[in-house]
Amino acid sequence: MRVFLAFDVNKSIKEKAGDIIKILKRTGGTVRWVKPENMHFTIKFFGEISSEDVENIDSVLSKHVKSFKSFTIKISGIDTFPSLPKNPRVVWAGIENFEELKNIHDTLLNDFQKIGFPEEHRDFKPHLTLGRVKNTNGISGLKKAINRNREHYFGEIEVKELVLYKSELTPNGPIYRALKKYILEK
């Protein structure tokens, strides 16, 4: 099964993300926009794994979750991977303050490596994916709209739980199902 670890965004953030997506859609770029109900911040993507791997991941998360405290993040700014002016592949919203999240990420990754998941060789860059660029048709208008909205402020959310998700890919887009939720300490 295809699995990832994430935390969800609240209704207000989803609405604000939906509003900015409407603006970006008008540029005519060929982008597959994320449905608001599917928006989340990925902490670790595991890919296709076995049920035994899920049990091992659950053990790691259960071991650490009581040591992680809930925290608040500010979601602000729009950017792309790769960064403009290059042709973007992903349009995303960022997090202003993610020290607590980086601590959780680094702690878990260390133990995930111990149970057989490979080391990650890129810096942790938490982001809320807004869309995936399919091709460069109409890309100049999209780039201009991103630059005009680069400082867009989405709001704050309190991260109270982590969620281990199963992802099923369908022709109509992915379907996410929570396998288990891990409540953070207050």
N, C-alpha and C. Protein backbone atom coordinates (compact mmCIF):
# COMPACT_ATOMS: atom_id res chain seq x y z
N MET A 1 0.83 -1.18 0.00
CA MET A 1 0.00 0.00 0.00
C MET A 1 0.87 1.24 0.00
N ARG A 2 0.35 2.34 -0.52
CA ARG A 2 1.06 3.62 -0.64
C ARG A 2 0.74 4.43 0.61
N VAL A 3 1.77 4.84 1.37
CA VAL A 3 1.56 5.42 2.70
C VAL A 3 2.41 6.68 2.88
N PHE A 4 1.85 7.64 3.63
CA PHE A 4 2.61 8.83 4.01
C PHE A 4 2.16 9.31 5.39
N LEU A 5 3.03 10.07 6.05
CA LEU A 5 2.74 10.67 7.34
C LEU A 5 2.56 12.18 7.12
N ALA A 6 1.48 12.74 7.70
CA ALA A 6 1.17 14.14 7.45
C ALA A 6 0.43 14.74 8.64
N PHE A 7 0.14 16.03 8.52
CA PHE A 7 -0.85 16.66 9.40
C PHE A 7 -1.77 17.47 8.51
N ASP A 8 -3.01 17.57 8.96
CA ASP A 8 -4.05 18.20 8.17
C ASP A 8 -4.09 19.71 8.37
N VAL A 9 -4.77 20.38 7.45
CA VAL A 9 -5.00 21.82 7.58
C VAL A 9 -6.48 22.04 7.89
N ASN A 10 -6.77 23.14 8.56
CA ASN A 10 -8.15 23.41 8.95
C ASN A 10 -8.97 23.99 7.80
N LYS A 11 -10.25 24.13 8.03
CA LYS A 11 -11.19 24.59 7.01
C LYS A 11 -10.82 25.99 6.50
N SER A 12 -10.42 26.88 7.40
CA SER A 12 -10.07 28.24 7.02
C SER A 12 -8.89 28.26 6.04
N ILE A 13 -7.87 27.48 6.32
CA ILE A 13 -6.70 27.42 5.43
C ILE A 13 -7.10 26.83 4.08
N LYS A 14 -7.92 25.77 4.11
CA LYS A 14 -8.38 25.16 2.86
C LYS A 14 -9.15 26.17 2.01
N GLU A 15 -9.99 26.99 2.67
CA GLU A 15 -10.76 28.00 1.93
C GLU A 15 -9.83 29.06 1.33
N LYS A 16 -8.86 29.52 2.10
CA LYS A 16 -7.92 30.53 1.60
C LYS A 16 -7.05 29.96 0.48
N ALA A 17 -6.67 28.69 0.61
CA ALA A 17 -5.90 28.05 -0.47
C ALA A 17 -6.78 27.92 -1.72
N GLY A 18 -8.05 27.57 -1.52
CA GLY A 18 -8.98 27.49 -2.64
C GLY A 18 -9.14 28.83 -3.34
N ASP A 19 -9.17 29.93 -2.56
CA ASP A 19 -9.28 31.28 -3.14
C ASP A 19 -8.06 31.62 -4.00
N ILE A 20 -6.87 31.29 -3.50
CA ILE A 20 -5.66 31.62 -4.28
C ILE A 20 -5.57 30.72 -5.50
N ILE A 21 -6.03 29.49 -5.40
CA ILE A 21 -6.03 28.60 -6.56
C ILE A 21 -6.95 29.16 -7.64
N LYS A 22 -8.10 29.72 -7.26
CA LYS A 22 -9.00 30.34 -8.25
C LYS A 22 -8.28 31.45 -9.01
N ILE A 23 -7.50 32.25 -8.30
CA ILE A 23 -6.75 33.33 -8.93
C ILE A 23 -5.72 32.75 -9.90
N LEU A 24 -4.98 31.74 -9.43
CA LEU A 24 -3.93 31.15 -10.26
C LEU A 24 -4.51 30.40 -11.46
N LYS A 25 -5.68 29.82 -11.31
CA LYS A 25 -6.33 29.09 -12.41
C LYS A 25 -6.61 30.01 -13.60
N ARG A 26 -6.94 31.26 -13.32
CA ARG A 26 -7.29 32.21 -14.37
C ARG A 26 -6.13 32.52 -15.31
N THR A 27 -4.93 32.10 -14.94
CA THR A 27 -3.76 32.39 -15.77
C THR A 27 -3.69 31.49 -16.99
N GLY A 28 -4.44 30.40 -16.99
CA GLY A 28 -4.46 29.50 -18.13
C GLY A 28 -3.34 28.47 -18.12
N GLY A 29 -2.52 28.45 -17.10
CA GLY A 29 -1.47 27.43 -17.03
C GLY A 29 -2.06 26.04 -16.93
N THR A 30 -1.34 25.05 -17.43
CA THR A 30 -1.81 23.66 -17.39
C THR A 30 -1.34 23.04 -16.08
N VAL A 31 -2.21 23.11 -15.08
CA VAL A 31 -1.86 22.68 -13.73
C VAL A 31 -2.97 21.77 -13.19
N ARG A 32 -2.56 20.70 -12.52
CA ARG A 32 -3.54 19.85 -11.81
C ARG A 32 -3.57 20.39 -10.37
N TRP A 33 -4.65 21.09 -10.05
CA TRP A 33 -4.78 21.74 -8.75
C TRP A 33 -5.26 20.74 -7.71
N VAL A 34 -4.76 20.88 -6.50
CA VAL A 34 -5.13 19.98 -5.40
C VAL A 34 -6.52 20.35 -4.91
N LYS A 35 -7.35 19.35 -4.70
CA LYS A 35 -8.68 19.58 -4.13
C LYS A 35 -8.50 19.97 -2.66
N PRO A 36 -9.26 20.97 -2.20
CA PRO A 36 -9.10 21.40 -0.80
C PRO A 36 -9.22 20.26 0.22
N GLU A 37 -10.11 19.30 -0.01
CA GLU A 37 -10.26 18.21 0.96
C GLU A 37 -9.02 17.32 1.04
N ASN A 38 -8.13 17.40 0.05
CA ASN A 38 -6.92 16.58 0.05
C ASN A 38 -5.69 17.33 0.56
N MET A 39 -5.85 18.57 0.99
CA MET A 39 -4.70 19.36 1.40
C MET A 39 -4.17 18.92 2.76
N HIS A 40 -2.86 18.81 2.82
CA HIS A 40 -2.17 18.38 4.04
C HIS A 40 -0.69 18.76 3.91
N PHE A 41 0.03 18.68 5.01
CA PHE A 41 1.48 18.86 5.02
C PHE A 41 2.13 17.50 5.22
N THR A 42 2.85 17.03 4.23
CA THR A 42 3.53 15.74 4.33
C THR A 42 4.79 15.89 5.17
N ILE A 43 4.95 14.97 6.12
CA ILE A 43 6.17 14.92 6.92
C ILE A 43 7.12 13.88 6.33
N LYS A 44 6.55 12.74 5.91
CA LYS A 44 7.37 11.68 5.32
C LYS A 44 6.50 10.87 4.37
N PHE A 45 6.96 10.71 3.14
CA PHE A 45 6.30 9.86 2.16
C PHE A 45 7.06 8.54 2.15
N PHE A 46 6.36 7.44 2.43
CA PHE A 46 6.99 6.13 2.48
C PHE A 46 6.92 5.39 1.16
N GLY A 47 5.94 5.73 0.32
CA GLY A 47 5.76 5.03 -0.95
C GLY A 47 5.01 3.72 -0.75
N GLU A 48 5.22 2.80 -1.68
CA GLU A 48 4.57 1.48 -1.61
C GLU A 48 5.27 0.63 -0.56
N ILE A 49 4.54 0.25 0.48
CA ILE A 49 5.13 -0.52 1.57
C ILE A 49 4.19 -1.65 1.98
N SER A 50 4.71 -2.56 2.77
CA SER A 50 3.94 -3.72 3.23
C SER A 50 3.20 -3.40 4.53
N SER A 51 2.29 -4.29 4.90
CA SER A 51 1.59 -4.16 6.19
C SER A 51 2.57 -4.24 7.35
N GLU A 52 3.61 -5.06 7.20
CA GLU A 52 4.63 -5.16 8.25
C GLU A 52 5.36 -3.83 8.42
N ASP A 53 5.64 -3.14 7.29
CA ASP A 53 6.27 -1.82 7.38
C ASP A 53 5.36 -0.83 8.11
N VAL A 54 4.06 -0.91 7.85
CA VAL A 54 3.10 -0.02 8.53
C VAL A 54 3.15 -0.27 10.03
N GLU A 55 3.22 -1.53 10.44
CA GLU A 55 3.31 -1.85 11.87
C GLU A 55 4.60 -1.29 12.47
N ASN A 56 5.70 -1.37 11.74
CA ASN A 56 6.97 -0.84 12.23
C ASN A 56 6.93 0.69 12.34
N ILE A 57 6.30 1.34 11.37
CA ILE A 57 6.13 2.79 11.41
C ILE A 57 5.27 3.17 12.62
N ASP A 58 4.19 2.42 12.82
CA ASP A 58 3.31 2.67 13.96
C ASP A 58 4.09 2.55 15.28
N SER A 59 4.97 1.59 15.38
CA SER A 59 5.78 1.43 16.60
C SER A 59 6.65 2.65 16.85
N VAL A 60 7.28 3.16 15.78
CA VAL A 60 8.12 4.35 15.91
C VAL A 60 7.28 5.55 16.36
N LEU A 61 6.14 5.74 15.69
CA LEU A 61 5.29 6.88 16.02
C LEU A 61 4.73 6.76 17.44
N SER A 62 4.30 5.58 17.82
CA SER A 62 3.75 5.38 19.17
C SER A 62 4.82 5.64 20.23
N LYS A 63 6.04 5.28 19.93
CA LYS A 63 7.16 5.48 20.86
C LYS A 63 7.42 6.99 21.09
N HIS A 64 7.31 7.79 20.03
CA HIS A 64 7.70 9.20 20.11
C HIS A 64 6.57 10.18 20.37
N VAL A 65 5.33 9.81 20.05
CA VAL A 65 4.25 10.81 20.03
C VAL A 65 4.07 11.51 21.38
N LYS A 66 4.27 10.84 22.47
CA LYS A 66 4.09 11.47 23.79
C LYS A 66 5.17 12.51 24.09
N SER A 67 6.28 12.47 23.36
CA SER A 67 7.33 13.46 23.58
C SER A 67 7.16 14.69 22.68
N PHE A 68 6.20 14.66 21.76
CA PHE A 68 5.95 15.79 20.87
C PHE A 68 4.79 16.63 21.39
N LYS A 69 5.00 17.91 21.47
CA LYS A 69 3.95 18.83 21.92
C LYS A 69 3.25 19.44 20.71
N SER A 70 1.95 19.78 20.89
CA SER A 70 1.23 20.48 19.83
C SER A 70 1.90 21.84 19.63
N PHE A 71 1.75 22.40 18.45
CA PHE A 71 2.39 23.68 18.14
C PHE A 71 1.57 24.41 17.08
N THR A 72 1.87 25.69 16.94
CA THR A 72 1.17 26.53 15.97
C THR A 72 2.13 26.93 14.86
N ILE A 73 1.61 26.91 13.64
CA ILE A 73 2.42 27.36 12.50
C ILE A 73 1.64 28.44 11.74
N LYS A 74 2.40 29.29 11.06
CA LYS A 74 1.83 30.30 10.18
C LYS A 74 2.09 29.87 8.75
N ILE A 75 1.03 29.86 7.95
CA ILE A 75 1.15 29.47 6.55
C ILE A 75 1.14 30.76 5.74
N SER A 76 2.24 30.97 5.03
CA SER A 76 2.43 32.23 4.34
C SER A 76 3.36 32.05 3.15
N GLY A 77 3.04 32.75 2.07
CA GLY A 77 3.92 32.79 0.91
C GLY A 77 3.60 31.70 -0.10
N ILE A 78 3.76 32.07 -1.37
CA ILE A 78 3.58 31.12 -2.46
C ILE A 78 4.90 31.04 -3.21
N ASP A 79 5.30 29.83 -3.56
CA ASP A 79 6.54 29.62 -4.30
C ASP A 79 6.37 28.39 -5.16
N THR A 80 7.46 27.99 -5.80
CA THR A 80 7.42 26.82 -6.67
C THR A 80 8.68 25.98 -6.49
N PHE A 81 8.57 24.73 -6.88
CA PHE A 81 9.74 23.85 -7.05
C PHE A 81 9.85 23.57 -8.53
N PRO A 82 10.94 23.77 -9.22
CA PRO A 82 12.05 24.61 -8.74
C PRO A 82 11.59 26.06 -8.68
N SER A 83 12.38 26.87 -7.98
CA SER A 83 12.02 28.28 -7.79
C SER A 83 12.01 29.03 -9.11
N LEU A 84 11.13 30.03 -9.17
CA LEU A 84 11.09 30.90 -10.36
C LEU A 84 12.41 31.64 -10.45
N PRO A 85 12.89 31.99 -11.64
CA PRO A 85 12.19 32.03 -12.91
C PRO A 85 12.20 30.71 -13.69
N LYS A 86 12.81 29.66 -13.14
CA LYS A 86 12.78 28.38 -13.84
C LYS A 86 11.33 27.93 -14.01
N ASN A 87 11.12 26.98 -14.90
CA ASN A 87 9.77 26.46 -15.11
C ASN A 87 9.38 25.58 -13.94
N PRO A 88 8.31 25.96 -13.23
CA PRO A 88 7.92 25.23 -12.03
C PRO A 88 7.26 23.89 -12.35
N ARG A 89 7.42 22.96 -11.42
CA ARG A 89 6.71 21.67 -11.48
C ARG A 89 5.64 21.60 -10.39
N VAL A 90 5.89 22.28 -9.27
CA VAL A 90 4.95 22.27 -8.15
C VAL A 90 4.76 23.70 -7.66
N VAL A 91 3.51 24.07 -7.42
CA VAL A 91 3.16 25.36 -6.82
C VAL A 91 2.76 25.08 -5.38
N TRP A 92 3.32 25.83 -4.43
CA TRP A 92 3.07 25.52 -3.02
C TRP A 92 3.00 26.76 -2.14
N ALA A 93 2.40 26.56 -0.96
CA ALA A 93 2.37 27.57 0.10
C ALA A 93 3.33 27.10 1.19
N GLY A 94 3.99 28.05 1.84
CA GLY A 94 5.02 27.70 2.81
C GLY A 94 4.63 27.92 4.26
N ILE A 95 5.54 27.55 5.14
CA ILE A 95 5.37 27.73 6.58
C ILE A 95 6.44 28.70 7.05
N GLU A 96 6.02 29.70 7.83
CA GLU A 96 6.97 30.69 8.35
C GLU A 96 7.83 30.12 9.48
N ASN A 97 7.23 29.44 10.41
CA ASN A 97 7.94 28.99 11.62
C ASN A 97 7.76 27.48 11.77
N PHE A 98 8.81 26.74 11.43
CA PHE A 98 8.62 25.29 11.47
C PHE A 98 9.70 24.57 12.27
N GLU A 99 10.22 25.22 13.30
CA GLU A 99 11.26 24.60 14.13
C GLU A 99 10.75 23.33 14.81
N GLU A 100 9.55 23.42 15.41
CA GLU A 100 8.99 22.24 16.09
C GLU A 100 8.75 21.11 15.11
N LEU A 101 8.24 21.46 13.93
CA LEU A 101 7.99 20.45 12.90
C LEU A 101 9.29 19.82 12.43
N LYS A 102 10.33 20.61 12.27
CA LYS A 102 11.63 20.07 11.86
C LYS A 102 12.17 19.12 12.93
N ASN A 103 11.98 19.47 14.19
CA ASN A 103 12.42 18.59 15.27
C ASN A 103 11.70 17.24 15.20
N ILE A 104 10.37 17.27 15.00
CA ILE A 104 9.60 16.04 14.88
C ILE A 104 10.09 15.24 13.67
N HIS A 105 10.24 15.92 12.54
CA HIS A 105 10.71 15.28 11.30
C HIS A 105 12.05 14.59 11.51
N ASP A 106 13.02 15.33 12.06
CA ASP A 106 14.37 14.78 12.24
C ASP A 106 14.39 13.61 13.21
N THR A 107 13.64 13.73 14.30
CA THR A 107 13.57 12.65 15.30
C THR A 107 13.00 11.38 14.67
N LEU A 108 11.90 11.52 13.95
CA LEU A 108 11.26 10.36 13.34
C LEU A 108 12.11 9.77 12.22
N LEU A 109 12.72 10.61 11.40
CA LEU A 109 13.52 10.09 10.28
C LEU A 109 14.67 9.23 10.77
N ASN A 110 15.25 9.64 11.88
CA ASN A 110 16.34 8.85 12.45
C ASN A 110 15.86 7.42 12.76
N ASP A 111 14.70 7.31 13.40
CA ASP A 111 14.17 5.98 13.74
C ASP A 111 13.61 5.25 12.51
N PHE A 112 13.07 5.99 11.54
CA PHE A 112 12.60 5.34 10.32
C PHE A 112 13.78 4.71 9.56
N GLN A 113 14.95 5.34 9.61
CA GLN A 113 16.13 4.76 8.99
C GLN A 113 16.51 3.45 9.69
N LYS A 114 16.37 3.42 11.01
CA LYS A 114 16.71 2.22 11.78
C LYS A 114 15.83 1.03 11.41
N ILE A 115 14.60 1.32 10.91
CA ILE A 115 13.71 0.20 10.54
C ILE A 115 13.72 -0.05 9.03
N GLY A 116 14.71 0.55 8.34
CA GLY A 116 14.92 0.18 6.94
C GLY A 116 14.53 1.18 5.88
N PHE A 117 14.06 2.37 6.25
CA PHE A 117 13.72 3.37 5.23
C PHE A 117 14.97 4.19 4.92
N PRO A 118 15.21 4.46 3.65
CA PRO A 118 16.46 5.13 3.27
C PRO A 118 16.56 6.55 3.79
N GLU A 119 17.80 6.97 3.97
CA GLU A 119 18.08 8.33 4.39
C GLU A 119 17.62 9.30 3.31
N GLU A 120 17.10 10.46 3.71
CA GLU A 120 16.70 11.47 2.74
C GLU A 120 17.88 12.40 2.50
N HIS A 121 18.08 12.72 1.23
CA HIS A 121 19.24 13.54 0.88
C HIS A 121 18.87 14.97 0.50
N ARG A 122 17.61 15.36 0.75
CA ARG A 122 17.24 16.75 0.51
C ARG A 122 16.84 17.38 1.83
N ASP A 123 16.97 18.69 1.86
CA ASP A 123 16.56 19.43 3.05
C ASP A 123 15.06 19.32 3.23
N PHE A 124 14.62 19.30 4.48
CA PHE A 124 13.20 19.27 4.79
C PHE A 124 12.62 20.65 4.50
N LYS A 125 11.68 20.71 3.58
CA LYS A 125 11.04 21.96 3.18
C LYS A 125 9.53 21.76 3.26
N PRO A 126 8.96 21.90 4.47
CA PRO A 126 7.52 21.67 4.61
C PRO A 126 6.73 22.66 3.76
N HIS A 127 5.74 22.16 3.06
CA HIS A 127 4.95 22.99 2.17
C HIS A 127 3.58 22.37 1.96
N LEU A 128 2.66 23.23 1.57
CA LEU A 128 1.30 22.81 1.23
C LEU A 128 1.20 22.85 -0.29
N THR A 129 1.14 21.68 -0.92
CA THR A 129 1.06 21.64 -2.38
C THR A 129 -0.29 22.18 -2.83
N LEU A 130 -0.23 23.16 -3.72
CA LEU A 130 -1.44 23.75 -4.29
C LEU A 130 -1.73 23.15 -5.67
N GLY A 131 -0.68 22.84 -6.42
CA GLY A 131 -0.88 22.27 -7.74
C GLY A 131 0.40 21.73 -8.33
N ARG A 132 0.24 20.86 -9.34
CA ARG A 132 1.37 20.27 -10.06
C ARG A 132 1.26 20.67 -11.53
N VAL A 133 2.30 21.32 -12.01
CA VAL A 133 2.32 21.83 -13.38
C VAL A 133 2.50 20.67 -14.34
N LYS A 134 1.58 20.57 -15.32
CA LYS A 134 1.60 19.46 -16.27
C LYS A 134 2.51 19.74 -17.47
N ASN A 135 2.52 20.99 -17.96
CA ASN A 135 3.42 21.37 -19.05
C ASN A 135 3.59 22.88 -19.03
N THR A 136 4.40 23.41 -19.92
CA THR A 136 4.74 24.83 -19.88
C THR A 136 3.77 25.72 -20.67
N ASN A 137 2.69 25.17 -21.21
CA ASN A 137 1.70 26.00 -21.89
C ASN A 137 1.11 27.00 -20.90
N GLY A 138 1.11 28.27 -21.26
CA GLY A 138 0.54 29.31 -20.42
C GLY A 138 1.32 29.59 -19.15
N ILE A 139 2.56 29.16 -19.09
CA ILE A 139 3.35 29.25 -17.86
C ILE A 139 3.72 30.70 -17.50
N SER A 140 3.87 31.57 -18.50
CA SER A 140 4.27 32.95 -18.19
C SER A 140 3.21 33.66 -17.35
N GLY A 141 1.93 33.45 -17.67
CA GLY A 141 0.87 34.05 -16.87
C GLY A 141 0.84 33.51 -15.46
N LEU A 142 1.08 32.20 -15.31
CA LEU A 142 1.13 31.59 -13.99
C LEU A 142 2.27 32.16 -13.17
N LYS A 143 3.44 32.31 -13.78
CA LYS A 143 4.60 32.88 -13.09
C LYS A 143 4.30 34.29 -12.59
N LYS A 144 3.67 35.10 -13.44
CA LYS A 144 3.34 36.48 -13.05
C LYS A 144 2.36 36.48 -11.87
N ALA A 145 1.36 35.62 -11.92
CA ALA A 145 0.37 35.55 -10.83
C ALA A 145 1.02 35.09 -9.53
N ILE A 146 1.93 34.14 -9.61
CA ILE A 146 2.65 33.69 -8.41
C ILE A 146 3.46 34.84 -7.84
N ASN A 147 4.18 35.56 -8.70
CA ASN A 147 4.98 36.70 -8.22
C ASN A 147 4.11 37.79 -7.59
N ARG A 148 2.93 38.04 -8.15
CA ARG A 148 2.02 39.05 -7.59
C ARG A 148 1.49 38.62 -6.21
N ASN A 149 1.38 37.32 -6.00
CA ASN A 149 0.79 36.80 -4.75
C ASN A 149 1.83 36.13 -3.85
N ARG A 150 3.09 36.38 -4.10
CA ARG A 150 4.18 35.70 -3.39
C ARG A 150 4.10 35.83 -1.88
N GLU A 151 3.60 36.94 -1.37
CA GLU A 151 3.53 37.18 0.08
C GLU A 151 2.17 36.85 0.68
N HIS A 152 1.34 36.15 -0.04
CA HIS A 152 -0.03 35.83 0.41
C HIS A 152 0.00 35.15 1.79
N TYR A 153 -0.84 35.65 2.70
CA TYR A 153 -0.92 35.07 4.05
C TYR A 153 -2.18 34.22 4.15
N PHE A 154 -2.01 32.96 4.53
CA PHE A 154 -3.12 32.01 4.62
C PHE A 154 -3.71 31.94 6.03
N GLY A 155 -2.88 32.15 7.04
CA GLY A 155 -3.35 32.09 8.42
C GLY A 155 -2.52 31.14 9.26
N GLU A 156 -3.04 30.85 10.46
CA GLU A 156 -2.36 29.97 11.42
C GLU A 156 -3.18 28.72 11.65
N ILE A 157 -2.48 27.65 11.98
CA ILE A 157 -3.16 26.44 12.45
C ILE A 157 -2.39 25.86 13.62
N GLU A 158 -3.12 25.23 14.50
CA GLU A 158 -2.49 24.50 15.59
C GLU A 158 -2.40 23.04 15.17
N VAL A 159 -1.20 22.52 15.21
CA VAL A 159 -0.98 21.12 14.85
C VAL A 159 -1.14 20.31 16.13
N LYS A 160 -2.21 19.50 16.18
CA LYS A 160 -2.53 18.72 17.37
C LYS A 160 -2.35 17.23 17.17
N GLU A 161 -2.25 16.80 15.89
CA GLU A 161 -2.10 15.37 15.63
C GLU A 161 -1.36 15.13 14.33
N LEU A 162 -0.72 13.97 14.26
CA LEU A 162 -0.12 13.48 13.03
C LEU A 162 -1.01 12.35 12.54
N VAL A 163 -1.05 12.17 11.23
CA VAL A 163 -1.92 11.14 10.65
C VAL A 163 -1.11 10.29 9.68
N LEU A 164 -1.21 8.97 9.86
CA LEU A 164 -0.62 8.04 8.91
C LEU A 164 -1.70 7.71 7.89
N TYR A 165 -1.45 8.09 6.64
CA TYR A 165 -2.44 7.95 5.58
C TYR A 165 -2.08 6.86 4.59
N LYS A 166 -3.12 6.22 4.07
CA LYS A 166 -3.01 5.35 2.91
C LYS A 166 -3.51 6.16 1.73
N SER A 167 -2.79 6.11 0.62
CA SER A 167 -3.17 6.87 -0.57
C SER A 167 -3.49 5.90 -1.70
N GLU A 168 -4.69 6.04 -2.23
CA GLU A 168 -5.09 5.22 -3.38
C GLU A 168 -5.20 6.14 -4.59
N LEU A 169 -4.42 5.86 -5.62
CA LEU A 169 -4.45 6.69 -6.83
C LEU A 169 -5.59 6.22 -7.73
N THR A 170 -6.41 7.16 -8.17
CA THR A 170 -7.53 6.86 -9.06
C THR A 170 -7.49 7.84 -10.24
N PRO A 171 -8.22 7.55 -11.31
CA PRO A 171 -8.26 8.49 -12.44
C PRO A 171 -8.81 9.86 -12.06
N ASN A 172 -9.62 9.93 -11.01
CA ASN A 172 -10.19 11.19 -10.56
C ASN A 172 -9.35 11.87 -9.48
N GLY A 173 -8.16 11.39 -9.25
CA GLY A 173 -7.29 11.95 -8.23
C GLY A 173 -7.12 11.00 -7.06
N PRO A 174 -6.22 11.31 -6.15
CA PRO A 174 -5.95 10.41 -5.03
C PRO A 174 -7.08 10.42 -4.00
N ILE A 175 -7.23 9.28 -3.34
CA ILE A 175 -8.15 9.17 -2.21
C ILE A 175 -7.30 8.82 -1.00
N TYR A 176 -7.41 9.64 0.06
CA TYR A 176 -6.63 9.44 1.26
C TYR A 176 -7.51 8.88 2.36
N ARG A 177 -7.00 7.83 3.03
CA ARG A 177 -7.71 7.24 4.17
C ARG A 177 -6.75 7.18 5.36
N ALA A 178 -7.22 7.68 6.48
CA ALA A 178 -6.39 7.66 7.69
C ALA A 178 -6.27 6.22 8.20
N LEU A 179 -5.04 5.76 8.36
CA LEU A 179 -4.79 4.45 8.97
C LEU A 179 -4.76 4.58 10.48
N LYS A 180 -4.13 5.67 10.96
CA LYS A 180 -4.05 5.89 12.41
C LYS A 180 -3.70 7.35 12.67
N LYS A 181 -4.26 7.88 13.77
CA LYS A 181 -3.97 9.25 14.19
C LYS A 181 -3.17 9.21 15.48
N TYR A 182 -2.23 10.14 15.60
CA TYR A 182 -1.34 10.23 16.76
C TYR A 182 -1.51 11.61 17.38
N ILE A 183 -2.13 11.67 18.54
CA ILE A 183 -2.43 12.93 19.22
C ILE A 183 -1.16 13.44 19.91
N LEU A 184 -0.83 14.72 19.66
CA LEU A 184 0.33 15.33 20.28
C LEU A 184 -0.05 15.84 21.68
N GLU A 185 0.93 15.91 22.55
CA GLU A 185 0.72 16.42 23.92
C GLU A 185 0.39 17.91 23.86
N LYS A 186 -0.37 18.37 24.85
CA LYS A 186 -0.70 19.81 24.91
C LYS A 186 0.37 20.58 25.63
